[in-house]
Amino acid sequence: MSKHCYIVDRTSLYVAYDDGTNDRIGTGWEKVCALGAFDHRLFAIWQECLMEVDPGTGQDTTISRHWGSSRAMLAGTRGRILVGVGAKIYEALLDGEHRTVGADFVGLTHLAATEGRFFAAEDGRIQEIDPDAGTWRLVGERWESLYAFTAVAGVGYILQNDGDLYSLDLDSGAYERISTGWHDATALIPGEDCLFVLDSTVLYCVGFDGRHAAASSGWNHVVAWGGQG
């Protein structure tokens, strides 16, 4: 399968590939605020609803409701989903129930998941979240200029607001700058064994070494994005 990610542009939901092609898999998605994928399953928060979306047909199934926030965040891995709303992080269960994981993330801006682990960007810090214990561990700090954060294939990636892209060791907190020049970037998306960066209206496929190539363009009104870490 080609490397891919998911993008909502205007009202349409697309799967976008690294070879420049894309497939529209649904319409009416202008009120979506978050997308996330794991195990080749796609999930979305649309208005107050957490939904599973069939990546092939666009057909959606409501899992749970009352996620009423335009700034909700979503991350999933190995059958588990975390949702961030305000200063709280919840585990959303696939049977429609949910439980609180943590309630003190005052500066929470991003959630990410990879290989069964969950992470959050919060007030210039990267934290690992343990959903079972309800605890978190500091991975790295002094990321006050962090613009975007994601994780894929067991590694974290941070895009700073000066256009620099870093890889982050999620165990030690060690980091390395792998790419520069992303001054108009609006999204950092985990792909299938890669990253995608939306820079202005152009979607780039970025390798783990920072090498990149334009995949597609014309993404003029992007409102949400997501991918599999």
C-alpha atoms as a PDB file:
ATOM      1  CA  MET A   1       0.000   0.000   0.000  1.00  0.00           C
ATOM      2  CA  SER A   2       1.206   3.508  -0.802  1.00  0.00           C
ATOM      3  CA  LYS A   3       2.152   5.833   2.004  1.00  0.00           C
ATOM      4  CA  HIS A   4      -0.901   7.872   2.903  1.00  0.00           C
ATOM      5  CA  CYS A   5      -2.671  10.209   5.300  1.00  0.00           C
ATOM      6  CA  TYR A   6      -6.162  11.653   5.714  1.00  0.00           C
ATOM      7  CA  ILE A   7      -7.172  15.263   5.048  1.00  0.00           C
ATOM      8  CA  VAL A   8     -10.437  17.168   5.260  1.00  0.00           C
ATOM      9  CA  ASP A   9     -10.410  20.008   2.737  1.00  0.00           C
ATOM     10  CA  ARG A  10     -13.494  22.236   2.733  1.00  0.00           C
ATOM     11  CA  THR A  11     -16.268  19.676   3.256  1.00  0.00           C
ATOM     12  CA  SER A  12     -14.610  16.565   1.793  1.00  0.00           C
ATOM     13  CA  LEU A  13     -12.597  13.798   3.437  1.00  0.00           C
ATOM     14  CA  TYR A  14      -9.699  12.490   1.352  1.00  0.00           C
ATOM     15  CA  VAL A  15      -7.037   9.845   1.626  1.00  0.00           C
ATOM     16  CA  ALA A  16      -3.900  11.409   0.119  1.00  0.00           C
ATOM     17  CA  TYR A  17      -1.007   9.292  -1.160  1.00  0.00           C
ATOM     18  CA  ASP A  18       2.687   9.968  -1.574  1.00  0.00           C
ATOM     19  CA  ASP A  19       2.471   9.429  -5.346  1.00  0.00           C
ATOM     20  CA  GLY A  20       0.367  12.553  -5.803  1.00  0.00           C
ATOM     21  CA  THR A  21      -3.016  10.855  -6.062  1.00  0.00           C
ATOM     22  CA  ASN A  22      -5.911  11.133  -3.650  1.00  0.00           C
ATOM     23  CA  ASP A  23      -9.341   9.599  -3.228  1.00  0.00           C
ATOM     24  CA  ARG A  24     -12.364  11.435  -1.874  1.00  0.00           C
ATOM     25  CA  ILE A  25     -14.037   9.092   0.569  1.00  0.00           C
ATOM     26  CA  GLY A  26     -16.759  11.293   1.991  1.00  0.00           C
ATOM     27  CA  THR A  27     -18.451  14.693   2.044  1.00  0.00           C
ATOM     28  CA  GLY A  28     -20.142  16.757   4.741  1.00  0.00           C
ATOM     29  CA  TRP A  29     -17.086  16.786   7.016  1.00  0.00           C
ATOM     30  CA  GLU A  30     -16.729  20.551   7.501  1.00  0.00           C
ATOM     31  CA  LYS A  31     -17.523  20.222  11.232  1.00  0.00           C
ATOM     32  CA  VAL A  32     -14.812  17.642  11.957  1.00  0.00           C
ATOM     33  CA  CYS A  33     -12.148  18.763  14.437  1.00  0.00           C
ATOM     34  CA  ALA A  34      -9.840  15.734  14.690  1.00  0.00           C
ATOM     35  CA  LEU A  35      -8.816  12.628  12.746  1.00  0.00           C
ATOM     36  CA  GLY A  36      -6.727   9.652  13.816  1.00  0.00           C
ATOM     37  CA  ALA A  37      -5.939   6.166  12.593  1.00  0.00           C
ATOM     38  CA  PHE A  38      -4.537   2.908  13.909  1.00  0.00           C
ATOM     39  CA  ASP A  39      -4.511  -0.670  12.649  1.00  0.00           C
ATOM     40  CA  HIS A  40      -5.853   0.688   9.349  1.00  0.00           C
ATOM     41  CA  ARG A  41      -8.970   1.962  11.096  1.00  0.00           C
ATOM     42  CA  LEU A  42      -9.935   5.626  10.809  1.00  0.00           C
ATOM     43  CA  PHE A  43     -11.586   7.670  13.561  1.00  0.00           C
ATOM     44  CA  ALA A  44     -12.928  11.214  13.689  1.00  0.00           C
ATOM     45  CA  ILE A  45     -14.441  13.671  16.116  1.00  0.00           C
ATOM     46  CA  TRP A  46     -17.298  15.390  14.316  1.00  0.00           C
ATOM     47  CA  GLN A  47     -19.147  17.986  16.365  1.00  0.00           C
ATOM     48  CA  GLU A  48     -19.839  16.104  19.615  1.00  0.00           C
ATOM     49  CA  CYS A  49     -19.460  12.586  18.189  1.00  0.00           C
ATOM     50  CA  LEU A  50     -16.549  10.173  18.118  1.00  0.00           C
ATOM     51  CA  MET A  51     -16.955   8.117  14.948  1.00  0.00           C
ATOM     52  CA  GLU A  52     -15.282   5.270  13.144  1.00  0.00           C
ATOM     53  CA  VAL A  53     -15.064   5.902   9.415  1.00  0.00           C
ATOM     54  CA  ASP A  54     -14.628   3.180   6.812  1.00  0.00           C
ATOM     55  CA  PRO A  55     -11.539   4.342   4.851  1.00  0.00           C
ATOM     56  CA  GLY A  56     -12.847   2.706   1.698  1.00  0.00           C
ATOM     57  CA  THR A  57     -16.461   3.839   1.614  1.00  0.00           C
ATOM     58  CA  GLY A  58     -16.579   6.829   3.960  1.00  0.00           C
ATOM     59  CA  GLN A  59     -19.454   5.244   5.880  1.00  0.00           C
ATOM     60  CA  ASP A  60     -19.359   6.319   9.523  1.00  0.00           C
ATOM     61  CA  THR A  61     -20.522   4.717  12.771  1.00  0.00           C
ATOM     62  CA  THR A  62     -20.980   6.709  15.973  1.00  0.00           C
ATOM     63  CA  ILE A  63     -19.068   5.271  18.942  1.00  0.00           C
ATOM     64  CA  SER A  64     -19.874   7.873  21.599  1.00  0.00           C
ATOM     65  CA  ARG A  65     -21.150  11.417  22.063  1.00  0.00           C
ATOM     66  CA  HIS A  66     -20.612  14.476  24.267  1.00  0.00           C
ATOM     67  CA  TRP A  67     -17.152  15.353  22.929  1.00  0.00           C
ATOM     68  CA  GLY A  68     -18.368  18.877  22.270  1.00  0.00           C
ATOM     69  CA  SER A  69     -15.219  20.903  21.699  1.00  0.00           C
ATOM     70  CA  SER A  70     -13.837  22.433  18.522  1.00  0.00           C
ATOM     71  CA  ARG A  71     -10.330  21.901  19.940  1.00  0.00           C
ATOM     72  CA  ALA A  72     -10.609  18.211  20.830  1.00  0.00           C
ATOM     73  CA  MET A  73      -7.536  16.060  20.078  1.00  0.00           C
ATOM     74  CA  LEU A  74      -7.461  12.395  19.113  1.00  0.00           C
ATOM     75  CA  ALA A  75      -4.767   9.699  19.135  1.00  0.00           C
ATOM     76  CA  GLY A  76      -5.008   5.922  18.849  1.00  0.00           C
ATOM     77  CA  THR A  77      -2.765   2.878  18.846  1.00  0.00           C
ATOM     78  CA  ARG A  78      -3.273  -0.875  19.149  1.00  0.00           C
ATOM     79  CA  GLY A  79      -6.981  -0.709  19.830  1.00  0.00           C
ATOM     80  CA  ARG A  80      -6.970   2.185  22.289  1.00  0.00           C
ATOM     81  CA  ILE A  81      -8.021   5.815  21.800  1.00  0.00           C
ATOM     82  CA  LEU A  82      -7.238   8.902  23.857  1.00  0.00           C
ATOM     83  CA  VAL A  83      -9.172  12.139  23.473  1.00  0.00           C
ATOM     84  CA  GLY A  84      -7.916  15.461  24.787  1.00  0.00           C
ATOM     85  CA  VAL A  85     -10.465  18.145  25.669  1.00  0.00           C
ATOM     86  CA  GLY A  86      -9.300  21.282  27.464  1.00  0.00           C
ATOM     87  CA  ALA A  87      -7.001  20.250  30.311  1.00  0.00           C
ATOM     88  CA  LYS A  88      -8.342  16.680  30.455  1.00  0.00           C
ATOM     89  CA  ILE A  89      -7.374  13.473  28.692  1.00  0.00           C
ATOM     90  CA  TYR A  90      -9.865  10.617  28.421  1.00  0.00           C
ATOM     91  CA  GLU A  91      -9.687   7.086  27.156  1.00  0.00           C
ATOM     92  CA  ALA A  92     -12.592   6.581  24.770  1.00  0.00           C
ATOM     93  CA  LEU A  93     -13.644   2.949  24.780  1.00  0.00           C
ATOM     94  CA  LEU A  94     -14.976   1.363  21.618  1.00  0.00           C
ATOM     95  CA  ASP A  95     -18.123   0.210  23.456  1.00  0.00           C
ATOM     96  CA  GLY A  96     -19.173   3.850  23.883  1.00  0.00           C
ATOM     97  CA  GLU A  97     -17.934   4.361  27.434  1.00  0.00           C
ATOM     98  CA  HIS A  98     -15.023   6.560  28.500  1.00  0.00           C
ATOM     99  CA  ARG A  99     -12.878   7.215  31.538  1.00  0.00           C
ATOM    100  CA  THR A 100     -10.641  10.058  32.699  1.00  0.00           C
ATOM    101  CA  VAL A 101      -6.911   9.458  32.348  1.00  0.00           C
ATOM    102  CA  GLY A 102      -5.620  12.835  33.548  1.00  0.00           C
ATOM    103  CA  ALA A 103      -7.046  16.235  34.409  1.00  0.00           C
ATOM    104  CA  ASP A 104      -4.094  18.589  34.883  1.00  0.00           C
ATOM    105  CA  PHE A 105      -2.868  19.231  31.336  1.00  0.00           C
ATOM    106  CA  VAL A 106      -3.461  22.970  31.380  1.00  0.00           C
ATOM    107  CA  GLY A 107      -1.312  23.704  28.302  1.00  0.00           C
ATOM    108  CA  LEU A 108      -2.245  20.638  26.272  1.00  0.00           C
ATOM    109  CA  THR A 109      -1.853  21.235  22.519  1.00  0.00           C
ATOM    110  CA  HIS A 110      -1.207  17.856  20.856  1.00  0.00           C
ATOM    111  CA  LEU A 111      -1.751  14.130  21.402  1.00  0.00           C
ATOM    112  CA  ALA A 112       0.204  11.434  19.583  1.00  0.00           C
ATOM    113  CA  ALA A 113       0.393   7.648  19.686  1.00  0.00           C
ATOM    114  CA  THR A 114       2.743   5.021  18.339  1.00  0.00           C
ATOM    115  CA  GLU A 115       3.433   1.335  18.975  1.00  0.00           C
ATOM    116  CA  GLY A 116       1.090   1.114  21.963  1.00  0.00           C
ATOM    117  CA  ARG A 117       2.368   4.290  23.645  1.00  0.00           C
ATOM    118  CA  PHE A 118       0.719   7.701  24.084  1.00  0.00           C
ATOM    119  CA  PHE A 119       2.321  11.124  24.259  1.00  0.00           C
ATOM    120  CA  ALA A 120       1.222  14.716  24.780  1.00  0.00           C
ATOM    121  CA  ALA A 121       2.701  18.122  24.066  1.00  0.00           C
ATOM    122  CA  GLU A 122       1.901  20.370  26.995  1.00  0.00           C
ATOM    123  CA  ASP A 123       3.388  23.755  27.949  1.00  0.00           C
ATOM    124  CA  GLY A 124       6.688  23.209  26.140  1.00  0.00           C
ATOM    125  CA  ARG A 125       7.052  19.645  27.426  1.00  0.00           C
ATOM    126  CA  ILE A 126       6.622  16.246  25.811  1.00  0.00           C
ATOM    127  CA  GLN A 127       5.012  13.811  28.241  1.00  0.00           C
ATOM    128  CA  GLU A 128       4.399  10.081  27.954  1.00  0.00           C
ATOM    129  CA  ILE A 129       0.921   9.155  29.171  1.00  0.00           C
ATOM    130  CA  ASP A 130       0.204   5.854  30.915  1.00  0.00           C
ATOM    131  CA  PRO A 131      -3.556   5.344  30.432  1.00  0.00           C
ATOM    132  CA  ASP A 132      -3.689   2.441  32.880  1.00  0.00           C
ATOM    133  CA  ALA A 133      -1.982   4.155  35.814  1.00  0.00           C
ATOM    134  CA  GLY A 134      -3.198   7.660  34.979  1.00  0.00           C
ATOM    135  CA  THR A 135       0.376   8.947  35.284  1.00  0.00           C
ATOM    136  CA  TRP A 136       2.770  10.694  32.938  1.00  0.00           C
ATOM    137  CA  ARG A 137       6.535  10.813  32.446  1.00  0.00           C
ATOM    138  CA  LEU A 138       8.584  13.737  31.190  1.00  0.00           C
ATOM    139  CA  VAL A 139      10.275  12.883  27.883  1.00  0.00           C
ATOM    140  CA  GLY A 140      11.654  16.310  26.971  1.00  0.00           C
ATOM    141  CA  GLU A 141      11.184  19.977  27.739  1.00  0.00           C
ATOM    142  CA  ARG A 142      12.084  23.483  26.532  1.00  0.00           C
ATOM    143  CA  TRP A 143       9.956  23.063  23.420  1.00  0.00           C
ATOM    144  CA  GLU A 144       8.178  26.386  23.959  1.00  0.00           C
ATOM    145  CA  SER A 145       8.354  27.133  20.209  1.00  0.00           C
ATOM    146  CA  LEU A 146       6.680  23.835  19.314  1.00  0.00           C
ATOM    147  CA  TYR A 147       4.176  24.291  16.500  1.00  0.00           C
ATOM    148  CA  ALA A 148       3.266  20.667  15.794  1.00  0.00           C
ATOM    149  CA  PHE A 149       4.004  17.275  17.337  1.00  0.00           C
ATOM    150  CA  THR A 150       3.338  13.726  16.210  1.00  0.00           C
ATOM    151  CA  ALA A 151       4.803  10.244  16.483  1.00  0.00           C
ATOM    152  CA  VAL A 152       5.277   7.430  14.002  1.00  0.00           C
ATOM    153  CA  ALA A 153       7.149   4.112  14.054  1.00  0.00           C
ATOM    154  CA  GLY A 154       8.245   4.617  17.665  1.00  0.00           C
ATOM    155  CA  VAL A 155       9.797   8.061  17.165  1.00  0.00           C
ATOM    156  CA  GLY A 156       8.487  11.536  17.974  1.00  0.00           C
ATOM    157  CA  TYR A 157       8.640  14.454  15.550  1.00  0.00           C
ATOM    158  CA  ILE A 158       8.488  18.136  16.449  1.00  0.00           C
ATOM    159  CA  LEU A 159       7.995  21.057  14.106  1.00  0.00           C
ATOM    160  CA  GLN A 160       9.147  24.359  15.577  1.00  0.00           C
ATOM    161  CA  ASN A 161       7.649  27.679  14.581  1.00  0.00           C
ATOM    162  CA  ASP A 162      10.952  28.683  12.947  1.00  0.00           C
ATOM    163  CA  GLY A 163      10.424  25.951  10.334  1.00  0.00           C
ATOM    164  CA  ASP A 164      12.832  23.361  11.779  1.00  0.00           C
ATOM    165  CA  LEU A 165      11.744  19.710  12.002  1.00  0.00           C
ATOM    166  CA  TYR A 166      13.247  17.471  14.705  1.00  0.00           C
ATOM    167  CA  SER A 167      13.167  13.780  15.484  1.00  0.00           C
ATOM    168  CA  LEU A 168      12.795  12.944  19.177  1.00  0.00           C
ATOM    169  CA  ASP A 169      13.857   9.763  20.962  1.00  0.00           C
ATOM    170  CA  LEU A 170      10.776   8.972  23.037  1.00  0.00           C
ATOM    171  CA  ASP A 171      12.790   7.107  25.671  1.00  0.00           C
ATOM    172  CA  SER A 172      15.765   9.393  26.282  1.00  0.00           C
ATOM    173  CA  GLY A 173      14.448  12.731  25.045  1.00  0.00           C
ATOM    174  CA  ALA A 174      17.454  13.132  22.738  1.00  0.00           C
ATOM    175  CA  TYR A 175      16.644  15.024  19.561  1.00  0.00           C
ATOM    176  CA  GLU A 176      18.105  15.782  16.153  1.00  0.00           C
ATOM    177  CA  ARG A 177      17.206  18.375  13.546  1.00  0.00           C
ATOM    178  CA  ILE A 178      16.398  16.513  10.333  1.00  0.00           C
ATOM    179  CA  SER A 179      14.942  19.204   8.082  1.00  0.00           C
ATOM    180  CA  THR A 180      14.521  22.967   7.810  1.00  0.00           C
ATOM    181  CA  GLY A 181      12.591  25.543   5.841  1.00  0.00           C
ATOM    182  CA  TRP A 182       9.002  24.672   6.767  1.00  0.00           C
ATOM    183  CA  HIS A 183       8.047  28.305   7.285  1.00  0.00           C
ATOM    184  CA  ASP A 184       4.492  27.968   5.961  1.00  0.00           C
ATOM    185  CA  ALA A 185       3.723  24.574   7.496  1.00  0.00           C
ATOM    186  CA  THR A 186       0.262  24.122   8.959  1.00  0.00           C
ATOM    187  CA  ALA A 187       0.202  20.360   9.651  1.00  0.00           C
ATOM    188  CA  LEU A 188       2.553  17.547  10.622  1.00  0.00           C
ATOM    189  CA  ILE A 189       0.869  14.204   9.915  1.00  0.00           C
ATOM    190  CA  PRO A 190       1.990  10.625  10.641  1.00  0.00           C
ATOM    191  CA  GLY A 191       1.891   8.509   7.504  1.00  0.00           C
ATOM    192  CA  GLU A 192       2.414   4.889   6.611  1.00  0.00           C
ATOM    193  CA  ASP A 193       6.156   4.618   7.406  1.00  0.00           C
ATOM    194  CA  CYS A 194       6.743   8.310   6.760  1.00  0.00           C
ATOM    195  CA  LEU A 195       5.655  11.809   7.709  1.00  0.00           C
ATOM    196  CA  PHE A 196       3.555  14.238   5.753  1.00  0.00           C
ATOM    197  CA  VAL A 197       3.944  17.998   6.062  1.00  0.00           C
ATOM    198  CA  LEU A 198       1.333  20.380   4.708  1.00  0.00           C
ATOM    199  CA  ASP A 199       3.264  23.521   3.823  1.00  0.00           C
ATOM    200  CA  SER A 200       0.954  26.269   2.566  1.00  0.00           C
ATOM    201  CA  THR A 201      -1.185  24.375   0.016  1.00  0.00           C
ATOM    202  CA  VAL A 202       1.385  21.674  -0.835  1.00  0.00           C
ATOM    203  CA  LEU A 203       1.516  18.245   0.809  1.00  0.00           C
ATOM    204  CA  TYR A 204       5.020  16.788   1.139  1.00  0.00           C
ATOM    205  CA  CYS A 205       6.049  13.238   1.953  1.00  0.00           C
ATOM    206  CA  VAL A 206       8.993  13.357   4.355  1.00  0.00           C
ATOM    207  CA  GLY A 207      11.279  10.423   5.098  1.00  0.00           C
ATOM    208  CA  PHE A 208      12.566   9.743   8.573  1.00  0.00           C
ATOM    209  CA  ASP A 209      15.929  11.185   7.498  1.00  0.00           C
ATOM    210  CA  GLY A 210      14.293  14.471   6.520  1.00  0.00           C
ATOM    211  CA  ARG A 211      14.441  13.974   2.776  1.00  0.00           C
ATOM    212  CA  HIS A 212      11.215  15.059   1.181  1.00  0.00           C
ATOM    213  CA  ALA A 213       9.319  15.442  -2.064  1.00  0.00           C
ATOM    214  CA  ALA A 214       6.098  17.177  -3.002  1.00  0.00           C
ATOM    215  CA  ALA A 215       3.206  14.719  -3.131  1.00  0.00           C
ATOM    216  CA  SER A 216       0.253  16.892  -4.147  1.00  0.00           C
ATOM    217  CA  SER A 217      -0.967  20.484  -4.117  1.00  0.00           C
ATOM    218  CA  GLY A 218      -4.169  22.489  -4.115  1.00  0.00           C
ATOM    219  CA  TRP A 219      -5.037  21.904  -0.454  1.00  0.00           C
ATOM    220  CA  ASN A 220      -6.517  25.356  -0.055  1.00  0.00           C
ATOM    221  CA  HIS A 221      -9.005  24.980   2.813  1.00  0.00           C
ATOM    222  CA  VAL A 222      -7.755  22.219   5.121  1.00  0.00           C
ATOM    223  CA  VAL A 223      -9.708  21.940   8.374  1.00  0.00           C
ATOM    224  CA  ALA A 224      -8.468  18.605   9.815  1.00  0.00           C
ATOM    225  CA  TRP A 225      -5.884  15.914   9.219  1.00  0.00           C
ATOM    226  CA  GLY A 226      -4.681  12.643  10.650  1.00  0.00           C
ATOM    227  CA  GLY A 227      -2.758   9.467   9.984  1.00  0.00           C
ATOM    228  CA  GLN A 228      -1.430   6.256  11.371  1.00  0.00           C
ATOM    229  CA  GLY A 229       1.544   6.368  13.713  1.00  0.00           C
END
